[in-house]
Amino acid sequence: MIRTVLAILIIPFALSFLFHGLGVFLKIILNPAPILPFLFGGGVYGLIWLFILRRRKRGMWDTFEHELTHVIFCILCLKKVHSFMAGSKADQSGRLGVVYHEQASGLRGTLITLSPYFFPTYTAFLLLIRLFVADSALGVFDLFVGVTFIYHLISNWQEFGFHQSDITSQTKFFSVVFIILANLIIIPAVLLIVHGEAGSLLSYLGGGFLGPVGLFFSL
């Protein structure tokens, strides 16, 4: 019951981020040049996946990213990781990967459990490296950023489902609403960074979070 109420309270923030996210997309459409290498890299990977990789089973790198994301959020949420396993073959329990960690509840538990469905781990690592890449090399580098980001979106789509214990453990309705909100935060944020407008990131986040608050106090 509590998670249902929380999900309902989250919906206005998701709508607010959707509105502000559309503004980000409009800004990129009006000035696409800075992000073209990113889009090209992502588009090429998307076509390769569609015609070749779509038919293959999920491999070790897919499982590794999923479980590594759990681990990263355990660390960010100050929870100890006891063990980590990821492979291309299932264990005796039928799992390709698993992370055992210190018990986490509340928001920290939600972030740890649902993080693989919104956080682009490989892209995040490349964006950190990107801070040290020379401007003259950013075009080539962003090709690979685009590849990892589209890989994440496709992987996200493939992994999501109500058969996943990650999803059901947080209740289906809450998980769906939370994941939508998180993706509406993350996707435009990545696009702003690659578009060369990292300075607009705080404005975007502030607008998204404060939108429903301002509307509430204006009533």
N, C-alpha and C. Protein backbone atom coordinates (compact mmCIF):
# COMPACT_ATOMS: atom_id res chain seq x y z
N MET A 1 0.82 -1.21 0.00
CA MET A 1 0.00 0.00 0.00
C MET A 1 0.86 1.26 0.00
N ILE A 2 1.92 1.26 0.83
CA ILE A 2 2.79 2.43 0.93
C ILE A 2 3.47 2.69 -0.41
N ARG A 3 3.93 1.64 -1.07
CA ARG A 3 4.61 1.81 -2.36
C ARG A 3 3.63 2.30 -3.44
N THR A 4 2.39 1.90 -3.34
CA THR A 4 1.40 2.39 -4.30
C THR A 4 1.21 3.89 -4.14
N VAL A 5 1.12 4.34 -2.89
CA VAL A 5 0.98 5.78 -2.61
C VAL A 5 2.22 6.53 -3.10
N LEU A 6 3.40 5.98 -2.83
CA LEU A 6 4.64 6.61 -3.28
C LEU A 6 4.69 6.71 -4.80
N ALA A 7 4.25 5.65 -5.47
CA ALA A 7 4.24 5.66 -6.93
C ALA A 7 3.33 6.77 -7.46
N ILE A 8 2.17 6.94 -6.85
CA ILE A 8 1.24 7.99 -7.26
C ILE A 8 1.86 9.36 -7.04
N LEU A 9 2.59 9.53 -5.94
CA LEU A 9 3.25 10.81 -5.65
C LEU A 9 4.40 11.08 -6.63
N ILE A 10 5.00 10.03 -7.15
CA ILE A 10 6.12 10.18 -8.08
C ILE A 10 5.63 10.61 -9.48
N ILE A 11 4.42 10.22 -9.85
CA ILE A 11 3.92 10.48 -11.20
C ILE A 11 4.02 11.96 -11.61
N PRO A 12 3.64 12.93 -10.75
CA PRO A 12 3.79 14.34 -11.18
C PRO A 12 5.23 14.72 -11.50
N PHE A 13 6.20 14.14 -10.79
CA PHE A 13 7.61 14.43 -11.07
C PHE A 13 8.02 13.81 -12.41
N ALA A 14 7.48 12.61 -12.70
CA ALA A 14 7.77 11.99 -14.00
C ALA A 14 7.22 12.86 -15.13
N LEU A 15 6.03 13.40 -14.96
CA LEU A 15 5.43 14.26 -15.98
C LEU A 15 6.24 15.55 -16.12
N SER A 16 6.72 16.07 -15.00
CA SER A 16 7.54 17.29 -15.05
C SER A 16 8.84 17.04 -15.81
N PHE A 17 9.49 15.92 -15.54
CA PHE A 17 10.74 15.60 -16.25
C PHE A 17 10.47 15.30 -17.72
N LEU A 18 9.31 14.72 -18.02
CA LEU A 18 8.94 14.50 -19.41
C LEU A 18 8.84 15.84 -20.15
N PHE A 19 8.20 16.81 -19.52
CA PHE A 19 8.05 18.13 -20.13
C PHE A 19 9.41 18.79 -20.35
N HIS A 20 10.26 18.78 -19.32
CA HIS A 20 11.58 19.40 -19.45
C HIS A 20 12.48 18.59 -20.39
N GLY A 21 12.28 17.27 -20.43
CA GLY A 21 13.06 16.44 -21.34
C GLY A 21 12.73 16.75 -22.79
N LEU A 22 11.47 17.03 -23.07
CA LEU A 22 11.09 17.42 -24.43
C LEU A 22 11.81 18.70 -24.84
N GLY A 23 12.03 19.59 -23.86
CA GLY A 23 12.78 20.81 -24.13
C GLY A 23 14.22 20.51 -24.51
N VAL A 24 14.81 19.51 -23.86
CA VAL A 24 16.18 19.10 -24.19
C VAL A 24 16.23 18.56 -25.62
N PHE A 25 15.27 17.70 -25.96
CA PHE A 25 15.23 17.14 -27.32
C PHE A 25 15.05 18.24 -28.36
N LEU A 26 14.21 19.23 -28.06
CA LEU A 26 13.99 20.33 -28.99
C LEU A 26 15.28 21.12 -29.19
N LYS A 27 16.01 21.35 -28.11
CA LYS A 27 17.28 22.08 -28.18
C LYS A 27 18.27 21.33 -29.08
N ILE A 28 18.30 20.01 -28.96
CA ILE A 28 19.22 19.20 -29.77
C ILE A 28 18.80 19.21 -31.24
N ILE A 29 17.49 19.13 -31.49
CA ILE A 29 17.00 19.15 -32.86
C ILE A 29 17.36 20.45 -33.55
N LEU A 30 17.30 21.56 -32.81
CA LEU A 30 17.61 22.87 -33.38
C LEU A 30 19.10 23.06 -33.62
N ASN A 31 19.93 22.28 -32.87
CA ASN A 31 21.38 22.38 -33.04
C ASN A 31 21.99 20.99 -32.89
N PRO A 32 21.84 20.14 -33.91
CA PRO A 32 22.25 18.74 -33.78
C PRO A 32 23.74 18.48 -33.96
N ALA A 33 24.47 19.44 -34.52
CA ALA A 33 25.87 19.20 -34.88
C ALA A 33 26.73 18.63 -33.75
N PRO A 34 26.67 19.18 -32.52
CA PRO A 34 27.57 18.67 -31.47
C PRO A 34 27.34 17.21 -31.09
N ILE A 35 26.15 16.70 -31.38
CA ILE A 35 25.83 15.35 -30.91
C ILE A 35 25.78 14.33 -32.05
N LEU A 36 26.10 14.76 -33.27
CA LEU A 36 26.03 13.86 -34.43
C LEU A 36 26.92 12.63 -34.30
N PRO A 37 28.18 12.75 -33.82
CA PRO A 37 29.00 11.52 -33.66
C PRO A 37 28.36 10.53 -32.68
N PHE A 38 27.81 11.04 -31.61
CA PHE A 38 27.11 10.20 -30.62
C PHE A 38 25.95 9.47 -31.28
N LEU A 39 25.15 10.21 -32.05
CA LEU A 39 24.00 9.61 -32.71
C LEU A 39 24.43 8.61 -33.78
N PHE A 40 25.51 8.91 -34.48
CA PHE A 40 26.01 8.00 -35.51
C PHE A 40 26.47 6.69 -34.89
N GLY A 41 27.26 6.77 -33.81
CA GLY A 41 27.73 5.56 -33.14
C GLY A 41 26.57 4.73 -32.62
N GLY A 42 25.60 5.41 -31.99
CA GLY A 42 24.43 4.70 -31.48
C GLY A 42 23.61 4.08 -32.59
N GLY A 43 23.47 4.82 -33.70
CA GLY A 43 22.70 4.31 -34.83
C GLY A 43 23.33 3.09 -35.46
N VAL A 44 24.64 3.11 -35.60
CA VAL A 44 25.34 1.96 -36.18
C VAL A 44 25.17 0.73 -35.30
N TYR A 45 25.34 0.92 -33.98
CA TYR A 45 25.16 -0.23 -33.09
C TYR A 45 23.72 -0.73 -33.14
N GLY A 46 22.76 0.21 -33.19
CA GLY A 46 21.36 -0.18 -33.27
C GLY A 46 21.07 -1.05 -34.49
N LEU A 47 21.66 -0.70 -35.63
CA LEU A 47 21.46 -1.49 -36.85
C LEU A 47 22.13 -2.86 -36.75
N ILE A 48 23.34 -2.87 -36.16
CA ILE A 48 24.04 -4.15 -35.98
C ILE A 48 23.23 -5.06 -35.07
N TRP A 49 22.67 -4.49 -34.02
CA TRP A 49 21.85 -5.29 -33.11
C TRP A 49 20.61 -5.82 -33.82
N LEU A 50 19.97 -4.94 -34.59
CA LEU A 50 18.71 -5.31 -35.25
C LEU A 50 18.90 -6.45 -36.23
N PHE A 51 19.99 -6.43 -36.98
CA PHE A 51 20.16 -7.41 -38.05
C PHE A 51 21.04 -8.60 -37.67
N ILE A 52 21.83 -8.46 -36.60
CA ILE A 52 22.76 -9.54 -36.25
C ILE A 52 22.61 -9.98 -34.79
N LEU A 53 22.82 -9.04 -33.87
CA LEU A 53 22.91 -9.40 -32.46
C LEU A 53 21.57 -9.75 -31.83
N ARG A 54 20.48 -9.30 -32.41
CA ARG A 54 19.16 -9.52 -31.83
C ARG A 54 18.85 -11.01 -31.68
N ARG A 55 19.45 -11.80 -32.54
CA ARG A 55 19.14 -13.24 -32.55
C ARG A 55 19.95 -14.03 -31.53
N ARG A 56 20.96 -13.41 -30.98
CA ARG A 56 21.81 -14.16 -30.04
C ARG A 56 21.26 -14.09 -28.62
N LYS A 57 21.65 -15.06 -27.81
CA LYS A 57 21.27 -15.04 -26.41
C LYS A 57 22.09 -13.99 -25.67
N ARG A 58 21.56 -13.52 -24.57
CA ARG A 58 22.29 -12.54 -23.77
C ARG A 58 23.57 -13.18 -23.24
N GLY A 59 24.67 -12.44 -23.36
CA GLY A 59 25.97 -12.98 -23.00
C GLY A 59 26.51 -12.47 -21.69
N MET A 60 27.78 -12.79 -21.46
CA MET A 60 28.42 -12.44 -20.20
C MET A 60 28.47 -10.94 -19.97
N TRP A 61 28.74 -10.14 -21.05
CA TRP A 61 28.87 -8.70 -20.87
C TRP A 61 27.55 -8.07 -20.46
N ASP A 62 26.43 -8.64 -20.92
CA ASP A 62 25.12 -8.14 -20.50
C ASP A 62 24.91 -8.39 -19.01
N THR A 63 25.19 -9.62 -18.61
CA THR A 63 25.03 -9.98 -17.20
C THR A 63 26.00 -9.21 -16.33
N PHE A 64 27.24 -9.07 -16.82
CA PHE A 64 28.26 -8.36 -16.05
C PHE A 64 27.84 -6.92 -15.78
N GLU A 65 27.33 -6.23 -16.81
CA GLU A 65 26.89 -4.84 -16.60
C GLU A 65 25.75 -4.77 -15.59
N HIS A 66 24.80 -5.68 -15.73
CA HIS A 66 23.64 -5.70 -14.82
C HIS A 66 24.09 -5.83 -13.37
N GLU A 67 24.92 -6.84 -13.11
CA GLU A 67 25.34 -7.09 -11.73
C GLU A 67 26.32 -6.01 -11.25
N LEU A 68 27.17 -5.51 -12.14
CA LEU A 68 28.10 -4.45 -11.75
C LEU A 68 27.34 -3.19 -11.34
N THR A 69 26.22 -2.92 -11.99
CA THR A 69 25.41 -1.76 -11.63
C THR A 69 24.86 -1.91 -10.22
N HIS A 70 24.41 -3.12 -9.88
CA HIS A 70 23.99 -3.37 -8.49
C HIS A 70 25.14 -3.05 -7.52
N VAL A 71 26.33 -3.51 -7.86
CA VAL A 71 27.49 -3.30 -7.01
C VAL A 71 27.80 -1.82 -6.85
N ILE A 72 27.77 -1.08 -7.95
CA ILE A 72 28.07 0.36 -7.91
C ILE A 72 27.10 1.08 -6.97
N PHE A 73 25.83 0.73 -7.05
CA PHE A 73 24.85 1.41 -6.21
C PHE A 73 24.92 0.93 -4.76
N CYS A 74 25.39 -0.29 -4.53
CA CYS A 74 25.67 -0.70 -3.15
C CYS A 74 26.73 0.22 -2.55
N ILE A 75 27.78 0.46 -3.32
CA ILE A 75 28.88 1.32 -2.86
C ILE A 75 28.39 2.75 -2.64
N LEU A 76 27.62 3.26 -3.61
CA LEU A 76 27.10 4.63 -3.50
C LEU A 76 26.16 4.78 -2.31
N CYS A 77 25.45 3.71 -1.99
CA CYS A 77 24.50 3.74 -0.87
C CYS A 77 25.13 3.25 0.43
N LEU A 78 26.46 3.08 0.39
CA LEU A 78 27.22 2.70 1.61
C LEU A 78 26.78 1.35 2.17
N LYS A 79 26.56 0.40 1.28
CA LYS A 79 26.20 -0.95 1.69
C LYS A 79 27.30 -1.92 1.24
N LYS A 80 27.68 -2.82 2.11
CA LYS A 80 28.77 -3.74 1.84
C LYS A 80 28.35 -4.83 0.86
N VAL A 81 29.22 -5.12 -0.11
CA VAL A 81 29.00 -6.20 -1.06
C VAL A 81 29.71 -7.45 -0.55
N HIS A 82 28.96 -8.53 -0.42
CA HIS A 82 29.55 -9.78 0.09
C HIS A 82 30.13 -10.63 -1.03
N SER A 83 29.43 -10.70 -2.17
CA SER A 83 29.94 -11.49 -3.30
C SER A 83 29.30 -11.02 -4.59
N PHE A 84 29.99 -11.34 -5.69
CA PHE A 84 29.57 -10.89 -7.02
C PHE A 84 29.85 -12.01 -8.00
N MET A 85 28.84 -12.35 -8.82
CA MET A 85 29.02 -13.40 -9.81
C MET A 85 28.30 -13.01 -11.10
N ALA A 86 28.98 -13.15 -12.23
CA ALA A 86 28.36 -12.88 -13.53
C ALA A 86 29.02 -13.78 -14.56
N GLY A 87 28.22 -14.43 -15.38
CA GLY A 87 28.77 -15.32 -16.40
C GLY A 87 27.78 -15.55 -17.52
N SER A 88 28.16 -16.36 -18.47
CA SER A 88 27.29 -16.65 -19.61
C SER A 88 26.53 -17.95 -19.40
N LYS A 89 26.89 -18.70 -18.35
CA LYS A 89 26.20 -19.95 -18.04
C LYS A 89 25.53 -19.84 -16.67
N ALA A 90 24.33 -20.35 -16.58
CA ALA A 90 23.57 -20.26 -15.33
C ALA A 90 24.16 -21.17 -14.26
N ASP A 91 24.01 -20.76 -13.00
CA ASP A 91 24.45 -21.59 -11.90
C ASP A 91 23.37 -22.62 -11.57
N GLN A 92 23.52 -23.32 -10.47
CA GLN A 92 22.57 -24.37 -10.11
C GLN A 92 21.18 -23.83 -9.85
N SER A 93 21.11 -22.53 -9.52
CA SER A 93 19.80 -21.91 -9.26
C SER A 93 19.19 -21.32 -10.53
N GLY A 94 19.90 -21.46 -11.65
CA GLY A 94 19.39 -20.93 -12.90
C GLY A 94 19.68 -19.47 -13.14
N ARG A 95 20.58 -18.90 -12.34
CA ARG A 95 20.91 -17.47 -12.47
C ARG A 95 22.23 -17.28 -13.20
N LEU A 96 22.24 -16.31 -14.12
CA LEU A 96 23.48 -15.97 -14.82
C LEU A 96 24.38 -15.10 -13.97
N GLY A 97 23.78 -14.38 -13.05
CA GLY A 97 24.56 -13.50 -12.19
C GLY A 97 23.81 -13.19 -10.92
N VAL A 98 24.54 -12.83 -9.90
CA VAL A 98 23.91 -12.48 -8.63
C VAL A 98 24.89 -11.67 -7.79
N VAL A 99 24.37 -10.76 -7.00
CA VAL A 99 25.16 -9.97 -6.06
C VAL A 99 24.55 -10.14 -4.68
N TYR A 100 25.35 -10.58 -3.74
CA TYR A 100 24.90 -10.65 -2.35
C TYR A 100 25.48 -9.45 -1.62
N HIS A 101 24.61 -8.71 -0.95
CA HIS A 101 25.08 -7.48 -0.29
C HIS A 101 24.35 -7.28 1.03
N GLU A 102 24.86 -6.36 1.79
CA GLU A 102 24.26 -5.99 3.06
C GLU A 102 22.81 -5.55 2.83
N GLN A 103 21.94 -5.93 3.75
CA GLN A 103 20.53 -5.59 3.63
C GLN A 103 20.33 -4.08 3.51
N ALA A 104 19.48 -3.68 2.57
CA ALA A 104 19.19 -2.27 2.37
C ALA A 104 17.68 -2.09 2.23
N SER A 105 17.16 -1.05 2.85
CA SER A 105 15.72 -0.79 2.78
C SER A 105 15.48 0.65 2.34
N GLY A 106 14.21 0.99 2.17
CA GLY A 106 13.87 2.36 1.80
C GLY A 106 14.41 2.74 0.44
N LEU A 107 14.78 4.01 0.29
CA LEU A 107 15.28 4.51 -0.99
C LEU A 107 16.55 3.81 -1.41
N ARG A 108 17.44 3.52 -0.46
CA ARG A 108 18.69 2.85 -0.82
C ARG A 108 18.42 1.46 -1.39
N GLY A 109 17.49 0.75 -0.80
CA GLY A 109 17.14 -0.57 -1.31
C GLY A 109 16.55 -0.50 -2.71
N THR A 110 15.72 0.51 -2.95
CA THR A 110 15.12 0.69 -4.27
C THR A 110 16.19 1.00 -5.32
N LEU A 111 17.10 1.92 -4.99
CA LEU A 111 18.15 2.29 -5.93
C LEU A 111 19.03 1.10 -6.28
N ILE A 112 19.43 0.34 -5.27
CA ILE A 112 20.29 -0.82 -5.50
C ILE A 112 19.57 -1.86 -6.36
N THR A 113 18.31 -2.11 -6.06
CA THR A 113 17.57 -3.15 -6.76
C THR A 113 17.22 -2.79 -8.20
N LEU A 114 16.81 -1.54 -8.43
CA LEU A 114 16.31 -1.15 -9.75
C LEU A 114 17.35 -0.44 -10.61
N SER A 115 18.54 -0.20 -10.09
CA SER A 115 19.55 0.57 -10.82
C SER A 115 19.88 0.05 -12.22
N PRO A 116 19.93 -1.26 -12.46
CA PRO A 116 20.27 -1.72 -13.82
C PRO A 116 19.26 -1.31 -14.88
N TYR A 117 18.07 -0.91 -14.45
CA TYR A 117 17.02 -0.58 -15.40
C TYR A 117 16.98 0.91 -15.76
N PHE A 118 17.92 1.66 -15.19
CA PHE A 118 17.97 3.08 -15.58
C PHE A 118 19.40 3.64 -15.67
N PHE A 119 20.36 3.00 -15.05
CA PHE A 119 21.71 3.57 -15.02
C PHE A 119 22.59 2.94 -16.09
N PRO A 120 23.10 3.74 -17.05
CA PRO A 120 23.96 3.21 -18.13
C PRO A 120 25.41 3.10 -17.68
N THR A 121 25.77 2.00 -17.07
CA THR A 121 27.07 1.85 -16.42
C THR A 121 28.24 2.07 -17.36
N TYR A 122 28.25 1.39 -18.51
CA TYR A 122 29.37 1.55 -19.44
C TYR A 122 29.46 2.98 -19.94
N THR A 123 28.32 3.59 -20.22
CA THR A 123 28.30 4.99 -20.66
C THR A 123 28.84 5.91 -19.57
N ALA A 124 28.47 5.65 -18.34
CA ALA A 124 28.93 6.49 -17.23
C ALA A 124 30.45 6.47 -17.11
N PHE A 125 31.04 5.28 -17.29
CA PHE A 125 32.50 5.18 -17.24
C PHE A 125 33.14 5.99 -18.36
N LEU A 126 32.56 5.91 -19.55
CA LEU A 126 33.11 6.66 -20.68
C LEU A 126 32.93 8.17 -20.48
N LEU A 127 31.83 8.58 -19.87
CA LEU A 127 31.62 10.00 -19.62
C LEU A 127 32.64 10.54 -18.61
N LEU A 128 33.05 9.71 -17.67
CA LEU A 128 34.10 10.12 -16.74
C LEU A 128 35.43 10.29 -17.47
N ILE A 129 35.74 9.34 -18.34
CA ILE A 129 36.97 9.44 -19.15
C ILE A 129 36.89 10.65 -20.07
N ARG A 130 35.70 10.94 -20.57
CA ARG A 130 35.48 12.04 -21.51
C ARG A 130 35.93 13.39 -20.95
N LEU A 131 35.90 13.51 -19.63
CA LEU A 131 36.33 14.76 -18.99
C LEU A 131 37.79 15.09 -19.31
N PHE A 132 38.57 14.06 -19.63
CA PHE A 132 40.01 14.24 -19.87
C PHE A 132 40.39 14.10 -21.34
N VAL A 133 39.38 13.96 -22.20
CA VAL A 133 39.64 13.81 -23.64
C VAL A 133 39.76 15.20 -24.28
N ALA A 134 40.76 15.36 -25.13
CA ALA A 134 40.96 16.63 -25.81
C ALA A 134 39.77 16.94 -26.71
N ASP A 135 39.46 18.23 -26.85
CA ASP A 135 38.33 18.64 -27.68
C ASP A 135 38.43 18.11 -29.10
N SER A 136 39.66 18.04 -29.61
CA SER A 136 39.85 17.58 -30.99
C SER A 136 39.51 16.11 -31.17
N ALA A 137 39.49 15.36 -30.07
CA ALA A 137 39.23 13.92 -30.15
C ALA A 137 37.82 13.55 -29.70
N LEU A 138 37.05 14.54 -29.27
CA LEU A 138 35.71 14.25 -28.73
C LEU A 138 34.79 13.61 -29.77
N GLY A 139 34.91 14.03 -31.03
CA GLY A 139 34.05 13.47 -32.06
C GLY A 139 34.19 11.97 -32.17
N VAL A 140 35.42 11.50 -32.21
CA VAL A 140 35.67 10.05 -32.30
C VAL A 140 35.25 9.36 -31.00
N PHE A 141 35.58 9.98 -29.87
CA PHE A 141 35.25 9.37 -28.58
C PHE A 141 33.74 9.22 -28.42
N ASP A 142 33.00 10.23 -28.86
CA ASP A 142 31.54 10.20 -28.70
C ASP A 142 30.88 9.11 -29.52
N LEU A 143 31.56 8.63 -30.55
CA LEU A 143 31.04 7.47 -31.29
C LEU A 143 30.85 6.29 -30.34
N PHE A 144 31.85 6.06 -29.50
CA PHE A 144 31.81 4.94 -28.56
C PHE A 144 30.84 5.20 -27.42
N VAL A 145 30.72 6.47 -27.03
CA VAL A 145 29.73 6.81 -26.00
C VAL A 145 28.33 6.48 -26.53
N GLY A 146 28.08 6.82 -27.79
CA GLY A 146 26.79 6.52 -28.41
C GLY A 146 26.52 5.03 -28.48
N VAL A 147 27.56 4.26 -28.81
CA VAL A 147 27.41 2.80 -28.87
C VAL A 147 26.99 2.24 -27.51
N THR A 148 27.68 2.66 -26.45
CA THR A 148 27.36 2.13 -25.13
C THR A 148 25.98 2.56 -24.66
N PHE A 149 25.58 3.78 -25.05
CA PHE A 149 24.28 4.28 -24.58
C PHE A 149 23.13 3.54 -25.26
N ILE A 150 23.22 3.33 -26.56
CA ILE A 150 22.17 2.57 -27.25
C ILE A 150 22.19 1.11 -26.79
N TYR A 151 23.39 0.58 -26.54
CA TYR A 151 23.50 -0.77 -25.98
C TYR A 151 22.71 -0.83 -24.66
N HIS A 152 22.88 0.19 -23.83
CA HIS A 152 22.17 0.22 -22.55
C HIS A 152 20.65 0.26 -22.75
N LEU A 153 20.18 1.11 -23.66
CA LEU A 153 18.73 1.23 -23.88
C LEU A 153 18.14 -0.08 -24.39
N ILE A 154 18.85 -0.72 -25.31
CA ILE A 154 18.36 -2.00 -25.84
C ILE A 154 18.39 -3.07 -24.74
N SER A 155 19.48 -3.11 -24.00
CA SER A 155 19.61 -4.07 -22.91
C SER A 155 18.53 -3.84 -21.86
N ASN A 156 18.26 -2.58 -21.59
CA ASN A 156 17.21 -2.20 -20.64
C ASN A 156 15.87 -2.77 -21.08
N TRP A 157 15.56 -2.59 -22.36
CA TRP A 157 14.30 -3.06 -22.91
C TRP A 157 14.21 -4.59 -22.82
N GLN A 158 15.31 -5.26 -23.10
CA GLN A 158 15.31 -6.72 -23.08
C GLN A 158 15.18 -7.28 -21.66
N GLU A 159 15.81 -6.62 -20.72
CA GLU A 159 15.85 -7.14 -19.35
C GLU A 159 14.56 -6.91 -18.60
N PHE A 160 13.90 -5.79 -18.89
CA PHE A 160 12.72 -5.44 -18.10
C PHE A 160 11.60 -6.45 -18.30
N GLY A 161 10.98 -6.82 -17.21
CA GLY A 161 9.84 -7.74 -17.29
C GLY A 161 9.39 -8.12 -15.89
N PHE A 162 8.14 -8.50 -15.77
CA PHE A 162 7.61 -8.82 -14.45
C PHE A 162 8.04 -10.20 -13.96
N HIS A 163 8.85 -10.88 -14.79
CA HIS A 163 9.44 -12.13 -14.34
C HIS A 163 10.70 -11.86 -13.50
N GLN A 164 11.18 -10.62 -13.55
CA GLN A 164 12.41 -10.26 -12.83
C GLN A 164 12.12 -10.06 -11.35
N SER A 165 12.88 -10.74 -10.51
CA SER A 165 12.69 -10.58 -9.06
C SER A 165 13.01 -9.16 -8.60
N ASP A 166 13.92 -8.48 -9.33
CA ASP A 166 14.21 -7.08 -9.01
C ASP A 166 12.93 -6.24 -9.07
N ILE A 167 12.13 -6.49 -10.09
CA ILE A 167 10.91 -5.71 -10.31
C ILE A 167 9.83 -6.08 -9.29
N THR A 168 9.59 -7.35 -9.13
CA THR A 168 8.51 -7.79 -8.24
C THR A 168 8.81 -7.51 -6.78
N SER A 169 10.09 -7.49 -6.41
CA SER A 169 10.44 -7.25 -5.01
C SER A 169 10.07 -5.84 -4.56
N GLN A 170 9.98 -4.92 -5.52
CA GLN A 170 9.63 -3.53 -5.21
C GLN A 170 8.16 -3.24 -5.51
N THR A 171 7.41 -4.24 -5.92
CA THR A 171 6.04 -4.21 -6.43
C THR A 171 6.04 -3.67 -7.86
N LYS A 172 5.21 -4.23 -8.69
CA LYS A 172 5.22 -3.95 -10.13
C LYS A 172 4.92 -2.49 -10.44
N PHE A 173 3.84 -1.96 -9.84
CA PHE A 173 3.41 -0.59 -10.15
C PHE A 173 4.48 0.41 -9.74
N PHE A 174 4.99 0.27 -8.54
CA PHE A 174 6.03 1.20 -8.06
C PHE A 174 7.27 1.10 -8.93
N SER A 175 7.70 -0.12 -9.26
CA SER A 175 8.90 -0.31 -10.07
C SER A 175 8.78 0.38 -11.42
N VAL A 176 7.63 0.21 -12.08
CA VAL A 176 7.41 0.81 -13.40
C VAL A 176 7.50 2.33 -13.31
N VAL A 177 6.80 2.92 -12.34
CA VAL A 177 6.78 4.38 -12.20
C VAL A 177 8.17 4.91 -11.85
N PHE A 178 8.87 4.24 -10.94
CA PHE A 178 10.20 4.68 -10.52
C PHE A 178 11.19 4.58 -11.67
N ILE A 179 11.14 3.49 -12.42
CA ILE A 179 12.06 3.30 -13.54
C ILE A 179 11.80 4.33 -14.63
N ILE A 180 10.54 4.63 -14.90
CA ILE A 180 10.22 5.67 -15.89
C ILE A 180 10.79 7.01 -15.45
N LEU A 181 10.56 7.39 -14.18
CA LEU A 181 11.10 8.65 -13.67
C LEU A 181 12.62 8.68 -13.79
N ALA A 182 13.27 7.62 -13.36
CA ALA A 182 14.73 7.58 -13.39
C ALA A 182 15.27 7.71 -14.82
N ASN A 183 14.62 7.05 -15.77
CA ASN A 183 15.07 7.16 -17.16
C ASN A 183 14.82 8.55 -17.73
N LEU A 184 13.72 9.18 -17.31
CA LEU A 184 13.44 10.55 -17.75
C LEU A 184 14.45 11.54 -17.18
N ILE A 185 15.10 11.16 -16.10
CA ILE A 185 16.18 11.99 -15.54
C ILE A 185 17.50 11.70 -16.26
N ILE A 186 17.82 10.41 -16.41
CA ILE A 186 19.13 10.01 -16.91
C ILE A 186 19.30 10.28 -18.40
N ILE A 187 18.33 9.91 -19.22
CA ILE A 187 18.51 10.00 -20.68
C ILE A 187 18.76 11.44 -21.13
N PRO A 188 17.91 12.42 -20.78
CA PRO A 188 18.21 13.80 -21.19
C PRO A 188 19.51 14.32 -20.58
N ALA A 189 19.84 13.86 -19.37
CA ALA A 189 21.08 14.32 -18.73
C ALA A 189 22.29 13.89 -19.56
N VAL A 190 22.29 12.65 -20.02
CA VAL A 190 23.39 12.16 -20.87
C VAL A 190 23.46 12.97 -22.16
N LEU A 191 22.31 13.23 -22.76
CA LEU A 191 22.27 13.98 -24.01
C LEU A 191 22.79 15.40 -23.82
N LEU A 192 22.47 16.02 -22.69
CA LEU A 192 22.97 17.37 -22.42
C LEU A 192 24.49 17.37 -22.30
N ILE A 193 25.04 16.38 -21.63
CA ILE A 193 26.49 16.30 -21.45
C ILE A 193 27.19 16.14 -22.80
N VAL A 194 26.70 15.21 -23.61
CA VAL A 194 27.34 14.95 -24.90
C VAL A 194 27.13 16.14 -25.85
N HIS A 195 26.03 16.83 -25.69
CA HIS A 195 25.74 18.00 -26.53
C HIS A 195 26.59 19.20 -26.15
N GLY A 196 27.37 19.05 -25.07
CA GLY A 196 28.25 20.13 -24.64
C GLY A 196 27.57 21.15 -23.76
N GLU A 197 26.49 20.73 -23.10
CA GLU A 197 25.74 21.66 -22.25
C GLU A 197 25.61 21.11 -20.85
N ALA A 198 26.71 20.62 -20.32
CA ALA A 198 26.70 20.09 -18.96
C ALA A 198 26.29 21.16 -17.96
N GLY A 199 26.56 22.43 -18.30
CA GLY A 199 26.17 23.52 -17.42
C GLY A 199 24.68 23.66 -17.27
N SER A 200 23.92 23.11 -18.22
CA SER A 200 22.46 23.18 -18.17
C SER A 200 21.86 22.03 -17.36
N LEU A 201 22.73 21.14 -16.90
CA LEU A 201 22.25 19.93 -16.22
C LEU A 201 21.53 20.27 -14.91
N LEU A 202 22.12 21.15 -14.12
CA LEU A 202 21.49 21.52 -12.85
C LEU A 202 20.16 22.21 -13.08
N SER A 203 20.10 23.03 -14.13
CA SER A 203 18.85 23.70 -14.47
C SER A 203 17.77 22.69 -14.85
N TYR A 204 18.18 21.67 -15.61
CA TYR A 204 17.24 20.63 -16.02
C TYR A 204 16.73 19.85 -14.80
N LEU A 205 17.64 19.44 -13.94
CA LEU A 205 17.26 18.68 -12.76
C LEU A 205 16.38 19.51 -11.82
N GLY A 206 16.78 20.78 -11.65
CA GLY A 206 16.00 21.66 -10.79
C GLY A 206 14.60 21.88 -11.32
N GLY A 207 14.49 22.10 -12.64
CA GLY A 207 13.17 22.29 -13.23
C GLY A 207 12.30 21.07 -13.09
N GLY A 208 12.89 19.90 -13.27
CA GLY A 208 12.13 18.66 -13.17
C GLY A 208 11.61 18.41 -11.76
N PHE A 209 12.47 18.61 -10.77
CA PHE A 209 12.07 18.34 -9.39
C PHE A 209 11.19 19.43 -8.79
N LEU A 210 11.43 20.68 -9.17
CA LEU A 210 10.69 21.79 -8.58
C LEU A 210 9.38 22.08 -9.28
N GLY A 211 9.20 21.55 -10.51
CA GLY A 211 7.98 21.79 -11.25
C GLY A 211 6.72 21.44 -10.47
N PRO A 212 6.58 20.20 -9.99
CA PRO A 212 5.36 19.84 -9.22
C PRO A 212 5.25 20.61 -7.91
N VAL A 213 6.39 20.93 -7.30
CA VAL A 213 6.36 21.69 -6.05
C VAL A 213 5.79 23.09 -6.29
N GLY A 214 6.29 23.75 -7.36
CA GLY A 214 5.78 25.08 -7.68
C GLY A 214 4.32 25.05 -8.03
N LEU A 215 3.88 24.00 -8.76
CA LEU A 215 2.48 23.88 -9.10
C LEU A 215 1.61 23.69 -7.85
N PHE A 216 2.10 22.92 -6.90
CA PHE A 216 1.36 22.67 -5.66
C PHE A 216 1.15 23.97 -4.89
N PHE A 217 2.21 24.79 -4.77
CA PHE A 217 2.09 26.01 -3.98
C PHE A 217 1.32 27.11 -4.72
N SER A 218 1.15 26.94 -6.04
CA SER A 218 0.40 27.94 -6.80
C SER A 218 -1.11 27.69 -6.75
N LEU A 219 -1.48 26.48 -6.29
CA LEU A 219 -2.90 26.14 -6.21
C LEU A 219 -3.60 26.88 -5.08
